[in-house]
Amino acid sequence: MSRVHDALRRSGAVQPDFQNQVRPQSPVPPIGGSRPGASTAPTSEFEGLLERIEEIPFNPSPDAHLIDASRPHEAPSEEFRTFRTRLNHLQSLQPIHTIVMTSPSPAEGKSMAAVNLALAESHLEGNHTVLCDFDFRRPLVHNLFQIDRSPGLTDYLLGKATLDQIVRKVAGTNLSIIPAGEAVINPLELLNLDKVRYLLKNLHKTFNWVILDTPPLLFAADANLLSTMADGTILVVRLGVTTVDSITRAIQSLCENNVLGTVVNGARRGELYSKYTYYHTYYYSKPD
């Protein structure tokens, strides 16, 4: 853990001053505009969206390690509720709604963190959350929830599907999912379309949290581009895997100084779980 903090301190990536920072607002592309890739979707496609989308059962993959509202006292659930509480506090200070979840390199747990954060947020009453799989290169969200990859984001951006067709609502939660969509050969060019910025600017009219799972920073420019359209970026690192140099280079690669914080994966299982096992065993065995 100290290595992560040292790297963040040396890179100057301190938490932004939410009280004084003013973020430039990107203009919404004109409906019916003449620029290539400009959105032609009417604003009304976002109105009443939750009433029009398909509902799917919560059927996670057995090896997905997703938190479950029916088992709230397991240690991972506690950790992500703490994560949720800190983000919600930041949101009470500034209008933060759209979050990029990324990592310096592959296999550091960014997708798992993004999915579990989205689930934790959706467990709060009325806290509608949408998880968007913007990792067009190696999408995982559809596998974790065992749903079809397409129609999804790429289909929507290419005009092959409507917004109603790509959003799925998980039954019994406030979580909606937008999978990646069909494979494309030009992910970065697709992300440069004005329709992406337009989509992200309008999704928060329906959802309190818009969480984007994106490719690693040091292996593609996708997350860097998406961070310029988001309110904040969260960096996921893994103890014993992520190096100090890769953390420094990943943060320095961001065009926007909007790093909200760092999620550290890979804590030893015994240390993490023992304290919760003791607490909950004691609490639930107390005599009336």
Foldseek 3Di string as FASTA:
>chain_A
DVLLVVLCVVLVLDADPLQPDDADDDDQFDQVDDDPLHHPDDLCCQPPLVVQAAADAQAFDPPLPADDPVPCLFLVNVVLLVVLVVVVVSCVSDVAAEEEFAALAPPLCRVSSLRNNQQSQFADPPQAEEEAELALPDWCPCNRRVHDQPPFDVCVSVVNDGPRHQWYHHPPTSYIYGHNHDHDPCSVVSCPRSVVLNCLVSNCVPHRHYYYYYYHQNPDCNSLSVCSSGQAYEYGGEPPPDHSVSSSVSCVSHPDSHHNYYHYDHDDPCVSGPVSVVVVVVVVPDDD
